[in-house]
Amino acid sequence: MTIRKGEPWGRSGALPSNGVIIRTDAEANQIVNHAIQNGEEIPTLGLMGGDLARALGATGSDERLRSAAAQTLPLDLGVATFNGNTTYFVAHLVIRQLWWQGRFVAVMNSDFFGPWKLAPRAHPNDGLLDALDGSLGFNDRLKARKLALTGEHVPHPDLTIRRGKEHHITLARLTPVWIDGTKSARTKEVVIRVVPDALQCVV
């Protein structure tokens, strides 16, 4: 069940013996996609680093993950279909050109993207994905880079954030897709939806 205001979220509990410690979103992505593609259960992930870990306040302590002080949390997954293929992501899927020129779209399961709080309202277990969509000129991109450190780049007249269970994105030109920080193929169309409570993670 996705998080609800005023209700407990997750439970106390250490990383199980068959859990997997991950240090980056890309590592988590590989584990999740490998398990799904092979019809296996996704292992519980112990979050040591990455944007998803940062969003959850992970301490980066291996000792904590294996202690009674650890928290086990249910989290959502994003699933994207483009160019005839389907892939899952844990933190974010970003469609952008070099230096963020032209139109860009960042579909966020985590509020953080590197040092930036791109989607200030995003939560990895609210059953929604936040899509930041826009195009900024050079000067505005420079300003946004600084303001995004604290999530103050929005509202902005040239940026929109849509929150939803599904996003259908169509672009005017082929644009590179970055999945959990790793560059993927170029595409002009992506369909993205959320899979609630698909992960168990420990922080």
N, C-alpha and C. Protein backbone atom coordinates (compact mmCIF):
# COMPACT_ATOMS: atom_id res chain seq x y z
N MET A 1 0.84 -1.19 0.00
CA MET A 1 0.00 0.00 0.00
C MET A 1 0.88 1.25 0.00
N THR A 2 0.59 2.19 -0.90
CA THR A 2 1.39 3.41 -0.97
C THR A 2 1.21 4.25 0.29
N ILE A 3 2.17 5.12 0.51
CA ILE A 3 2.17 5.93 1.73
C ILE A 3 0.91 6.78 1.81
N ARG A 4 0.40 6.92 3.05
CA ARG A 4 -0.79 7.74 3.28
C ARG A 4 -0.53 8.67 4.44
N LYS A 5 -0.99 9.89 4.30
CA LYS A 5 -0.77 10.90 5.32
C LYS A 5 -1.32 10.43 6.67
N GLY A 6 -0.48 10.56 7.70
CA GLY A 6 -0.90 10.21 9.05
C GLY A 6 -0.81 8.75 9.39
N GLU A 7 -0.40 7.90 8.42
CA GLU A 7 -0.30 6.47 8.68
C GLU A 7 1.17 6.04 8.68
N PRO A 8 1.51 5.00 9.46
CA PRO A 8 2.90 4.53 9.48
C PRO A 8 3.33 4.07 8.10
N TRP A 9 4.62 4.26 7.81
CA TRP A 9 5.17 3.84 6.52
C TRP A 9 6.34 2.91 6.78
N GLY A 10 6.28 1.72 6.22
CA GLY A 10 7.36 0.76 6.39
C GLY A 10 7.35 0.13 7.77
N ARG A 11 8.46 -0.53 8.08
CA ARG A 11 8.58 -1.23 9.35
C ARG A 11 10.05 -1.32 9.73
N SER A 12 10.30 -1.52 11.00
CA SER A 12 11.67 -1.73 11.44
C SER A 12 12.14 -3.10 10.99
N GLY A 13 13.39 -3.20 10.59
CA GLY A 13 13.91 -4.49 10.17
C GLY A 13 15.17 -4.36 9.36
N ALA A 14 16.12 -5.23 9.65
CA ALA A 14 17.41 -5.22 8.97
C ALA A 14 17.31 -5.83 7.58
N LEU A 15 18.31 -5.57 6.77
CA LEU A 15 18.41 -6.19 5.45
C LEU A 15 18.47 -7.70 5.60
N PRO A 16 17.62 -8.46 4.90
CA PRO A 16 17.67 -9.92 5.02
C PRO A 16 18.96 -10.49 4.44
N SER A 17 19.23 -11.73 4.77
CA SER A 17 20.50 -12.35 4.35
C SER A 17 20.63 -12.43 2.84
N ASN A 18 19.51 -12.50 2.13
CA ASN A 18 19.57 -12.56 0.66
C ASN A 18 19.37 -11.19 0.03
N GLY A 19 19.40 -10.12 0.85
CA GLY A 19 19.28 -8.76 0.32
C GLY A 19 20.56 -8.35 -0.39
N VAL A 20 20.45 -7.31 -1.20
CA VAL A 20 21.58 -6.84 -2.00
C VAL A 20 21.87 -5.38 -1.66
N ILE A 21 23.11 -5.10 -1.30
CA ILE A 21 23.51 -3.72 -1.03
C ILE A 21 23.84 -3.02 -2.35
N ILE A 22 23.28 -1.83 -2.53
CA ILE A 22 23.55 -1.07 -3.76
C ILE A 22 24.07 0.32 -3.39
N ARG A 23 24.93 0.84 -4.25
CA ARG A 23 25.57 2.13 -3.99
C ARG A 23 25.22 3.19 -5.02
N THR A 24 24.55 2.81 -6.09
CA THR A 24 24.13 3.78 -7.11
C THR A 24 22.76 3.37 -7.65
N ASP A 25 22.07 4.33 -8.25
CA ASP A 25 20.80 4.02 -8.90
C ASP A 25 21.01 3.06 -10.06
N ALA A 26 22.13 3.19 -10.76
CA ALA A 26 22.41 2.30 -11.89
C ALA A 26 22.54 0.85 -11.42
N GLU A 27 23.16 0.62 -10.26
CA GLU A 27 23.25 -0.73 -9.72
C GLU A 27 21.87 -1.29 -9.41
N ALA A 28 21.05 -0.47 -8.77
CA ALA A 28 19.69 -0.90 -8.45
C ALA A 28 18.92 -1.22 -9.72
N ASN A 29 19.09 -0.39 -10.74
CA ASN A 29 18.42 -0.59 -12.02
C ASN A 29 18.77 -1.95 -12.63
N GLN A 30 20.05 -2.28 -12.62
CA GLN A 30 20.49 -3.55 -13.19
C GLN A 30 19.89 -4.74 -12.45
N ILE A 31 19.86 -4.66 -11.13
CA ILE A 31 19.33 -5.75 -10.33
C ILE A 31 17.84 -5.93 -10.59
N VAL A 32 17.10 -4.81 -10.61
CA VAL A 32 15.66 -4.87 -10.82
C VAL A 32 15.32 -5.42 -12.20
N ASN A 33 15.94 -4.88 -13.24
CA ASN A 33 15.63 -5.32 -14.60
C ASN A 33 16.04 -6.76 -14.84
N HIS A 34 17.17 -7.19 -14.28
CA HIS A 34 17.61 -8.58 -14.43
C HIS A 34 16.59 -9.52 -13.80
N ALA A 35 16.13 -9.18 -12.60
CA ALA A 35 15.16 -10.03 -11.92
C ALA A 35 13.85 -10.13 -12.71
N ILE A 36 13.34 -9.00 -13.17
CA ILE A 36 12.07 -9.00 -13.89
C ILE A 36 12.19 -9.75 -15.22
N GLN A 37 13.28 -9.51 -15.95
CA GLN A 37 13.46 -10.17 -17.23
C GLN A 37 13.58 -11.69 -17.11
N ASN A 38 14.06 -12.15 -15.96
CA ASN A 38 14.24 -13.58 -15.75
C ASN A 38 13.13 -14.21 -14.91
N GLY A 39 12.08 -13.46 -14.68
CA GLY A 39 10.95 -13.98 -13.94
C GLY A 39 11.24 -14.28 -12.48
N GLU A 40 12.21 -13.57 -11.93
CA GLU A 40 12.62 -13.79 -10.55
C GLU A 40 12.04 -12.72 -9.63
N GLU A 41 11.99 -13.02 -8.35
CA GLU A 41 11.57 -12.02 -7.38
C GLU A 41 12.67 -10.97 -7.21
N ILE A 42 12.27 -9.72 -7.18
CA ILE A 42 13.26 -8.66 -6.97
C ILE A 42 13.76 -8.74 -5.54
N PRO A 43 15.07 -8.84 -5.33
CA PRO A 43 15.58 -8.92 -3.95
C PRO A 43 15.39 -7.60 -3.21
N THR A 44 15.36 -7.68 -1.90
CA THR A 44 15.34 -6.47 -1.09
C THR A 44 16.66 -5.73 -1.28
N LEU A 45 16.57 -4.42 -1.48
CA LEU A 45 17.76 -3.61 -1.75
C LEU A 45 18.15 -2.81 -0.51
N GLY A 46 19.41 -2.90 -0.14
CA GLY A 46 19.95 -2.07 0.93
C GLY A 46 20.58 -0.83 0.32
N LEU A 47 20.02 0.32 0.57
CA LEU A 47 20.43 1.54 -0.13
C LEU A 47 21.58 2.24 0.59
N MET A 48 22.72 2.29 -0.09
CA MET A 48 23.91 2.95 0.45
C MET A 48 24.20 4.28 -0.25
N GLY A 49 23.71 4.43 -1.47
CA GLY A 49 23.99 5.64 -2.23
C GLY A 49 23.08 5.75 -3.43
N GLY A 50 23.12 6.90 -4.10
CA GLY A 50 22.26 7.15 -5.25
C GLY A 50 21.16 8.13 -4.90
N ASP A 51 20.44 8.59 -5.91
CA ASP A 51 19.40 9.59 -5.70
C ASP A 51 18.22 9.03 -4.92
N LEU A 52 17.88 7.76 -5.16
CA LEU A 52 16.79 7.15 -4.41
C LEU A 52 17.15 7.07 -2.93
N ALA A 53 18.37 6.67 -2.65
CA ALA A 53 18.83 6.59 -1.26
C ALA A 53 18.81 7.96 -0.60
N ARG A 54 19.24 8.98 -1.33
CA ARG A 54 19.24 10.33 -0.77
C ARG A 54 17.82 10.80 -0.46
N ALA A 55 16.89 10.49 -1.33
CA ALA A 55 15.50 10.89 -1.11
C ALA A 55 14.93 10.27 0.17
N LEU A 56 15.45 9.10 0.54
CA LEU A 56 14.95 8.39 1.71
C LEU A 56 15.78 8.65 2.96
N GLY A 57 16.79 9.50 2.84
CA GLY A 57 17.61 9.82 4.00
C GLY A 57 18.56 8.72 4.41
N ALA A 58 18.98 7.90 3.46
CA ALA A 58 19.92 6.81 3.78
C ALA A 58 21.22 7.37 4.32
N THR A 59 21.81 6.68 5.28
CA THR A 59 23.02 7.16 5.93
C THR A 59 24.30 6.69 5.26
N GLY A 60 24.20 5.67 4.39
CA GLY A 60 25.40 5.12 3.77
C GLY A 60 26.15 4.20 4.70
N SER A 61 25.50 3.73 5.75
CA SER A 61 26.14 2.87 6.75
C SER A 61 25.74 1.42 6.54
N ASP A 62 26.72 0.59 6.21
CA ASP A 62 26.48 -0.85 6.08
C ASP A 62 26.03 -1.44 7.41
N GLU A 63 26.62 -0.94 8.50
CA GLU A 63 26.28 -1.44 9.84
C GLU A 63 24.82 -1.19 10.17
N ARG A 64 24.33 -0.01 9.81
CA ARG A 64 22.92 0.30 10.08
C ARG A 64 21.99 -0.62 9.30
N LEU A 65 22.31 -0.88 8.04
CA LEU A 65 21.45 -1.71 7.21
C LEU A 65 21.26 -3.10 7.81
N ARG A 66 22.23 -3.56 8.56
CA ARG A 66 22.17 -4.91 9.12
C ARG A 66 21.75 -4.91 10.59
N SER A 67 21.25 -3.76 11.07
CA SER A 67 20.89 -3.63 12.47
C SER A 67 19.37 -3.47 12.63
N ALA A 68 18.92 -3.56 13.88
CA ALA A 68 17.50 -3.39 14.18
C ALA A 68 17.05 -1.96 13.97
N ALA A 69 18.00 -1.03 13.86
CA ALA A 69 17.64 0.37 13.64
C ALA A 69 17.21 0.65 12.20
N ALA A 70 17.49 -0.27 11.29
CA ALA A 70 17.16 -0.08 9.88
C ALA A 70 15.65 -0.07 9.67
N GLN A 71 15.24 0.60 8.60
CA GLN A 71 13.83 0.65 8.22
C GLN A 71 13.65 0.00 6.86
N THR A 72 12.66 -0.88 6.75
CA THR A 72 12.32 -1.51 5.48
C THR A 72 11.09 -0.82 4.91
N LEU A 73 11.22 -0.30 3.68
CA LEU A 73 10.18 0.53 3.09
C LEU A 73 9.71 -0.04 1.76
N PRO A 74 8.40 -0.03 1.50
CA PRO A 74 7.90 -0.36 0.17
C PRO A 74 8.07 0.85 -0.74
N LEU A 75 8.52 0.62 -1.98
CA LEU A 75 8.73 1.72 -2.92
C LEU A 75 8.12 1.38 -4.28
N ASP A 76 7.80 2.43 -5.02
CA ASP A 76 7.27 2.28 -6.37
C ASP A 76 8.41 2.10 -7.37
N LEU A 77 8.05 1.62 -8.55
CA LEU A 77 8.96 1.54 -9.69
C LEU A 77 8.34 2.29 -10.86
N GLY A 78 9.19 2.82 -11.73
CA GLY A 78 8.71 3.35 -13.00
C GLY A 78 8.96 2.33 -14.09
N VAL A 79 8.07 2.26 -15.05
CA VAL A 79 8.27 1.38 -16.21
C VAL A 79 8.05 2.20 -17.47
N ALA A 80 9.01 2.11 -18.38
CA ALA A 80 8.99 2.91 -19.61
C ALA A 80 9.02 2.01 -20.83
N THR A 81 8.22 2.37 -21.82
CA THR A 81 8.21 1.65 -23.10
C THR A 81 8.55 2.64 -24.21
N PHE A 82 9.62 2.33 -24.95
CA PHE A 82 10.00 3.16 -26.09
C PHE A 82 10.81 2.31 -27.06
N ASN A 83 10.71 2.63 -28.33
CA ASN A 83 11.42 1.89 -29.40
C ASN A 83 11.12 0.39 -29.33
N GLY A 84 9.92 0.04 -28.89
CA GLY A 84 9.51 -1.36 -28.84
C GLY A 84 10.05 -2.14 -27.66
N ASN A 85 10.72 -1.48 -26.75
CA ASN A 85 11.29 -2.16 -25.58
C ASN A 85 10.70 -1.59 -24.29
N THR A 86 10.72 -2.41 -23.25
CA THR A 86 10.23 -2.00 -21.94
C THR A 86 11.36 -2.12 -20.92
N THR A 87 11.50 -1.10 -20.10
CA THR A 87 12.53 -1.12 -19.06
C THR A 87 11.99 -0.45 -17.81
N TYR A 88 12.58 -0.80 -16.68
CA TYR A 88 12.14 -0.27 -15.39
C TYR A 88 13.19 0.69 -14.84
N PHE A 89 12.74 1.64 -14.03
CA PHE A 89 13.69 2.55 -13.38
C PHE A 89 13.28 2.77 -11.94
N VAL A 90 14.29 3.01 -11.08
CA VAL A 90 14.02 3.17 -9.66
C VAL A 90 13.93 4.63 -9.23
N ALA A 91 14.71 5.51 -9.84
CA ALA A 91 14.78 6.91 -9.40
C ALA A 91 14.24 7.89 -10.43
N HIS A 92 14.71 7.78 -11.70
CA HIS A 92 14.27 8.76 -12.69
C HIS A 92 14.60 8.32 -14.11
N LEU A 93 13.83 8.88 -15.03
CA LEU A 93 14.08 8.75 -16.46
C LEU A 93 14.09 10.16 -17.03
N VAL A 94 15.20 10.52 -17.69
CA VAL A 94 15.37 11.88 -18.18
C VAL A 94 15.60 11.85 -19.69
N ILE A 95 14.87 12.69 -20.38
CA ILE A 95 15.00 12.82 -21.83
C ILE A 95 15.55 14.21 -22.10
N ARG A 96 16.77 14.27 -22.65
CA ARG A 96 17.40 15.59 -22.82
C ARG A 96 18.51 15.54 -23.86
N GLN A 97 18.80 16.72 -24.40
CA GLN A 97 19.94 16.90 -25.26
C GLN A 97 21.16 17.28 -24.41
N LEU A 98 22.31 17.38 -25.05
CA LEU A 98 23.52 17.80 -24.37
C LEU A 98 23.33 19.19 -23.76
N TRP A 99 23.79 19.34 -22.51
CA TRP A 99 23.68 20.61 -21.79
C TRP A 99 22.24 21.05 -21.57
N TRP A 100 21.30 20.13 -21.68
CA TRP A 100 19.88 20.42 -21.44
C TRP A 100 19.34 21.46 -22.41
N GLN A 101 19.89 21.48 -23.63
CA GLN A 101 19.41 22.41 -24.64
C GLN A 101 18.09 21.90 -25.21
N GLY A 102 17.23 22.85 -25.60
CA GLY A 102 15.95 22.46 -26.17
C GLY A 102 15.03 21.86 -25.10
N ARG A 103 14.03 21.14 -25.57
CA ARG A 103 13.05 20.57 -24.64
C ARG A 103 13.66 19.40 -23.87
N PHE A 104 13.33 19.32 -22.61
CA PHE A 104 13.74 18.19 -21.78
C PHE A 104 12.55 17.75 -20.92
N VAL A 105 12.55 16.48 -20.55
CA VAL A 105 11.53 15.93 -19.67
C VAL A 105 12.23 15.04 -18.65
N ALA A 106 11.95 15.26 -17.38
CA ALA A 106 12.50 14.43 -16.31
C ALA A 106 11.33 13.80 -15.55
N VAL A 107 11.21 12.49 -15.66
CA VAL A 107 10.14 11.77 -14.96
C VAL A 107 10.74 11.18 -13.69
N MET A 108 10.22 11.64 -12.56
CA MET A 108 10.89 11.43 -11.29
C MET A 108 10.09 10.53 -10.33
N ASN A 109 10.77 9.50 -9.82
CA ASN A 109 10.25 8.72 -8.70
C ASN A 109 10.91 9.20 -7.41
N SER A 110 12.04 9.88 -7.55
CA SER A 110 12.77 10.51 -6.46
C SER A 110 12.75 12.01 -6.68
N ASP A 111 12.78 12.78 -5.59
CA ASP A 111 12.84 14.23 -5.79
C ASP A 111 14.21 14.68 -6.27
N PHE A 112 15.25 13.89 -5.98
CA PHE A 112 16.62 14.29 -6.33
C PHE A 112 17.09 13.73 -7.66
N PHE A 113 17.85 14.56 -8.37
CA PHE A 113 18.60 14.15 -9.57
C PHE A 113 20.00 14.73 -9.39
N GLY A 114 20.93 13.89 -8.94
CA GLY A 114 22.26 14.39 -8.61
C GLY A 114 22.14 15.44 -7.50
N PRO A 115 22.78 16.60 -7.67
CA PRO A 115 22.72 17.62 -6.62
C PRO A 115 21.40 18.39 -6.61
N TRP A 116 20.57 18.19 -7.62
CA TRP A 116 19.38 19.01 -7.79
C TRP A 116 18.11 18.32 -7.28
N LYS A 117 17.29 19.12 -6.66
CA LYS A 117 15.97 18.67 -6.23
C LYS A 117 14.99 19.02 -7.34
N LEU A 118 15.01 18.22 -8.40
CA LEU A 118 14.25 18.56 -9.62
C LEU A 118 12.75 18.52 -9.42
N ALA A 119 12.28 17.57 -8.63
CA ALA A 119 10.84 17.41 -8.43
C ALA A 119 10.55 17.47 -6.93
N PRO A 120 10.39 18.68 -6.39
CA PRO A 120 10.31 18.85 -4.94
C PRO A 120 9.20 18.07 -4.25
N ARG A 121 8.12 17.76 -4.98
CA ARG A 121 6.99 17.05 -4.36
C ARG A 121 7.02 15.55 -4.60
N ALA A 122 7.98 15.08 -5.36
CA ALA A 122 8.01 13.65 -5.67
C ALA A 122 8.31 12.82 -4.43
N HIS A 123 7.66 11.67 -4.35
CA HIS A 123 7.88 10.73 -3.26
C HIS A 123 7.90 9.33 -3.86
N PRO A 124 8.87 8.48 -3.48
CA PRO A 124 9.01 7.17 -4.13
C PRO A 124 8.00 6.13 -3.71
N ASN A 125 6.97 6.52 -2.94
CA ASN A 125 5.92 5.55 -2.62
C ASN A 125 4.55 6.22 -2.54
N ASP A 126 4.32 7.21 -3.40
CA ASP A 126 3.01 7.86 -3.41
C ASP A 126 2.12 7.37 -4.55
N GLY A 127 2.61 6.38 -5.32
CA GLY A 127 1.83 5.85 -6.42
C GLY A 127 1.76 6.76 -7.62
N LEU A 128 2.65 7.77 -7.66
CA LEU A 128 2.67 8.73 -8.76
C LEU A 128 4.10 8.96 -9.23
N LEU A 129 4.22 9.46 -10.46
CA LEU A 129 5.50 9.92 -11.00
C LEU A 129 5.36 11.39 -11.37
N ASP A 130 6.36 12.18 -11.05
CA ASP A 130 6.34 13.62 -11.34
C ASP A 130 7.14 13.88 -12.61
N ALA A 131 6.52 14.52 -13.60
CA ALA A 131 7.19 14.81 -14.87
C ALA A 131 7.45 16.30 -15.00
N LEU A 132 8.73 16.68 -14.95
CA LEU A 132 9.16 18.06 -15.17
C LEU A 132 9.43 18.22 -16.66
N ASP A 133 8.75 19.17 -17.29
CA ASP A 133 8.78 19.30 -18.75
C ASP A 133 9.00 20.77 -19.09
N GLY A 134 9.96 21.04 -19.98
CA GLY A 134 10.16 22.42 -20.35
C GLY A 134 11.31 22.65 -21.29
N SER A 135 11.57 23.92 -21.56
CA SER A 135 12.68 24.33 -22.41
C SER A 135 13.13 25.70 -21.92
N LEU A 136 14.42 25.83 -21.60
CA LEU A 136 14.95 27.07 -21.05
C LEU A 136 16.07 27.61 -21.92
N GLY A 137 16.13 28.93 -22.03
CA GLY A 137 17.25 29.57 -22.69
C GLY A 137 18.51 29.46 -21.85
N PHE A 138 19.63 29.87 -22.43
CA PHE A 138 20.91 29.70 -21.76
C PHE A 138 20.95 30.36 -20.38
N ASN A 139 20.55 31.61 -20.29
CA ASN A 139 20.61 32.32 -19.02
C ASN A 139 19.68 31.69 -17.97
N ASP A 140 18.49 31.29 -18.41
CA ASP A 140 17.57 30.65 -17.48
C ASP A 140 18.08 29.29 -17.02
N ARG A 141 18.80 28.58 -17.89
CA ARG A 141 19.38 27.29 -17.47
C ARG A 141 20.42 27.51 -16.38
N LEU A 142 21.22 28.55 -16.53
CA LEU A 142 22.22 28.85 -15.50
C LEU A 142 21.55 29.17 -14.16
N LYS A 143 20.50 29.97 -14.21
CA LYS A 143 19.78 30.32 -12.99
C LYS A 143 19.13 29.08 -12.38
N ALA A 144 18.53 28.26 -13.24
CA ALA A 144 17.82 27.07 -12.75
C ALA A 144 18.77 26.09 -12.09
N ARG A 145 20.00 25.98 -12.60
CA ARG A 145 20.97 25.06 -11.99
C ARG A 145 21.21 25.41 -10.52
N LYS A 146 21.27 26.69 -10.22
CA LYS A 146 21.49 27.12 -8.84
C LYS A 146 20.23 26.94 -8.00
N LEU A 147 19.10 27.38 -8.54
CA LEU A 147 17.85 27.31 -7.79
C LEU A 147 17.41 25.87 -7.54
N ALA A 148 17.75 24.96 -8.47
CA ALA A 148 17.31 23.57 -8.34
C ALA A 148 18.01 22.84 -7.20
N LEU A 149 19.08 23.41 -6.67
CA LEU A 149 19.76 22.78 -5.53
C LEU A 149 18.82 22.67 -4.34
N THR A 150 17.88 23.61 -4.25
CA THR A 150 16.92 23.60 -3.15
C THR A 150 15.47 23.45 -3.63
N GLY A 151 15.30 23.15 -4.92
CA GLY A 151 13.96 22.97 -5.46
C GLY A 151 13.23 24.26 -5.75
N GLU A 152 13.95 25.38 -5.80
CA GLU A 152 13.30 26.68 -6.01
C GLU A 152 13.25 27.10 -7.48
N HIS A 153 13.57 26.19 -8.40
CA HIS A 153 13.49 26.49 -9.83
C HIS A 153 12.06 26.46 -10.32
N VAL A 154 11.16 25.92 -9.53
CA VAL A 154 9.73 25.93 -9.87
C VAL A 154 8.97 26.63 -8.74
N PRO A 155 7.91 27.35 -9.09
CA PRO A 155 7.32 27.49 -10.44
C PRO A 155 8.14 28.38 -11.36
N HIS A 156 8.01 28.12 -12.65
CA HIS A 156 8.67 28.89 -13.69
C HIS A 156 7.75 28.87 -14.91
N PRO A 157 7.59 29.98 -15.62
CA PRO A 157 6.65 30.01 -16.75
C PRO A 157 6.99 29.05 -17.87
N ASP A 158 8.25 28.64 -17.98
CA ASP A 158 8.64 27.72 -19.06
C ASP A 158 8.84 26.30 -18.58
N LEU A 159 8.42 26.01 -17.34
CA LEU A 159 8.52 24.66 -16.79
C LEU A 159 7.16 24.23 -16.25
N THR A 160 6.80 23.00 -16.51
CA THR A 160 5.58 22.45 -15.91
C THR A 160 5.93 21.17 -15.18
N ILE A 161 5.20 20.88 -14.11
CA ILE A 161 5.32 19.60 -13.43
C ILE A 161 3.94 18.95 -13.40
N ARG A 162 3.84 17.79 -14.00
CA ARG A 162 2.60 17.02 -13.98
C ARG A 162 2.82 15.79 -13.10
N ARG A 163 1.88 15.53 -12.23
CA ARG A 163 1.95 14.36 -11.36
C ARG A 163 0.89 13.37 -11.83
N GLY A 164 1.27 12.12 -12.03
CA GLY A 164 0.29 11.15 -12.50
C GLY A 164 0.81 9.73 -12.46
N LYS A 165 -0.11 8.80 -12.70
CA LYS A 165 0.25 7.38 -12.73
C LYS A 165 0.84 6.99 -14.08
N GLU A 166 0.56 7.80 -15.10
CA GLU A 166 1.06 7.49 -16.45
C GLU A 166 1.37 8.79 -17.18
N HIS A 167 2.43 8.76 -17.98
CA HIS A 167 2.82 9.90 -18.79
C HIS A 167 3.13 9.41 -20.21
N HIS A 168 2.53 10.07 -21.19
CA HIS A 168 2.79 9.77 -22.60
C HIS A 168 3.53 10.97 -23.18
N ILE A 169 4.79 10.78 -23.54
CA ILE A 169 5.64 11.89 -23.95
C ILE A 169 5.98 11.75 -25.43
N THR A 170 5.71 12.79 -26.20
CA THR A 170 6.05 12.82 -27.62
C THR A 170 6.92 14.03 -27.89
N LEU A 171 8.05 13.81 -28.55
CA LEU A 171 9.01 14.89 -28.84
C LEU A 171 9.10 15.13 -30.33
N ALA A 172 9.56 16.31 -30.70
CA ALA A 172 9.64 16.69 -32.11
C ALA A 172 10.84 16.05 -32.81
N ARG A 173 11.84 15.64 -32.03
CA ARG A 173 13.06 15.08 -32.61
C ARG A 173 13.58 13.94 -31.74
N LEU A 174 14.41 13.10 -32.32
CA LEU A 174 15.03 12.02 -31.55
C LEU A 174 15.90 12.62 -30.45
N THR A 175 15.69 12.15 -29.23
CA THR A 175 16.37 12.70 -28.08
C THR A 175 16.89 11.58 -27.20
N PRO A 176 18.11 11.71 -26.65
CA PRO A 176 18.66 10.66 -25.78
C PRO A 176 17.84 10.48 -24.50
N VAL A 177 17.73 9.24 -24.07
CA VAL A 177 17.04 8.89 -22.83
C VAL A 177 18.08 8.42 -21.81
N TRP A 178 18.00 8.96 -20.61
CA TRP A 178 18.90 8.58 -19.51
C TRP A 178 18.06 7.89 -18.45
N ILE A 179 18.39 6.63 -18.14
CA ILE A 179 17.61 5.84 -17.19
C ILE A 179 18.46 5.58 -15.96
N ASP A 180 18.02 6.13 -14.83
CA ASP A 180 18.78 6.01 -13.58
C ASP A 180 20.24 6.38 -13.76
N GLY A 181 20.45 7.44 -14.54
CA GLY A 181 21.80 7.97 -14.72
C GLY A 181 22.61 7.37 -15.84
N THR A 182 22.06 6.37 -16.52
CA THR A 182 22.79 5.71 -17.61
C THR A 182 22.14 6.04 -18.96
N LYS A 183 22.95 6.46 -19.91
CA LYS A 183 22.43 6.85 -21.22
C LYS A 183 21.93 5.63 -21.97
N SER A 184 20.73 5.75 -22.54
CA SER A 184 20.12 4.69 -23.31
C SER A 184 19.98 5.15 -24.76
N ALA A 185 18.99 4.62 -25.46
CA ALA A 185 18.79 4.94 -26.87
C ALA A 185 18.11 6.30 -27.04
N ARG A 186 18.07 6.78 -28.27
CA ARG A 186 17.32 7.99 -28.61
C ARG A 186 15.90 7.58 -28.98
N THR A 187 14.96 8.47 -28.71
CA THR A 187 13.57 8.18 -29.06
C THR A 187 12.80 9.47 -29.26
N LYS A 188 11.62 9.37 -29.86
CA LYS A 188 10.72 10.51 -30.00
C LYS A 188 9.44 10.31 -29.20
N GLU A 189 9.26 9.09 -28.68
CA GLU A 189 8.02 8.82 -27.95
C GLU A 189 8.28 7.81 -26.83
N VAL A 190 7.75 8.11 -25.64
CA VAL A 190 7.91 7.25 -24.48
C VAL A 190 6.59 7.20 -23.73
N VAL A 191 6.20 6.00 -23.32
CA VAL A 191 5.05 5.83 -22.44
C VAL A 191 5.59 5.33 -21.10
N ILE A 192 5.25 6.04 -20.03
CA ILE A 192 5.79 5.74 -18.71
C ILE A 192 4.64 5.59 -17.72
N ARG A 193 4.71 4.59 -16.89
CA ARG A 193 3.70 4.42 -15.85
C ARG A 193 4.37 3.96 -14.56
N VAL A 194 3.64 4.07 -13.48
CA VAL A 194 4.16 3.69 -12.18
C VAL A 194 3.68 2.29 -11.80
N VAL A 195 4.51 1.54 -11.11
CA VAL A 195 4.14 0.24 -10.54
C VAL A 195 4.24 0.40 -9.02
N PRO A 196 3.12 0.59 -8.34
CA PRO A 196 3.17 0.85 -6.90
C PRO A 196 3.69 -0.35 -6.09
N ASP A 197 4.42 -0.05 -5.03
CA ASP A 197 4.85 -1.05 -4.05
C ASP A 197 5.62 -2.22 -4.70
N ALA A 198 6.39 -1.93 -5.74
CA ALA A 198 7.10 -3.00 -6.45
C ALA A 198 8.41 -3.39 -5.81
N LEU A 199 8.95 -2.53 -4.95
CA LEU A 199 10.26 -2.76 -4.34
C LEU A 199 10.17 -2.80 -2.83
N GLN A 200 11.11 -3.52 -2.22
CA GLN A 200 11.35 -3.44 -0.79
C GLN A 200 12.79 -2.95 -0.61
N CYS A 201 12.94 -1.82 0.06
CA CYS A 201 14.27 -1.26 0.25
C CYS A 201 14.52 -0.98 1.73
N VAL A 202 15.79 -1.09 2.13
CA VAL A 202 16.17 -0.88 3.51
C VAL A 202 17.12 0.32 3.59
N VAL A 203 16.85 1.20 4.55
CA VAL A 203 17.71 2.37 4.78
C VAL A 203 18.07 2.44 6.27
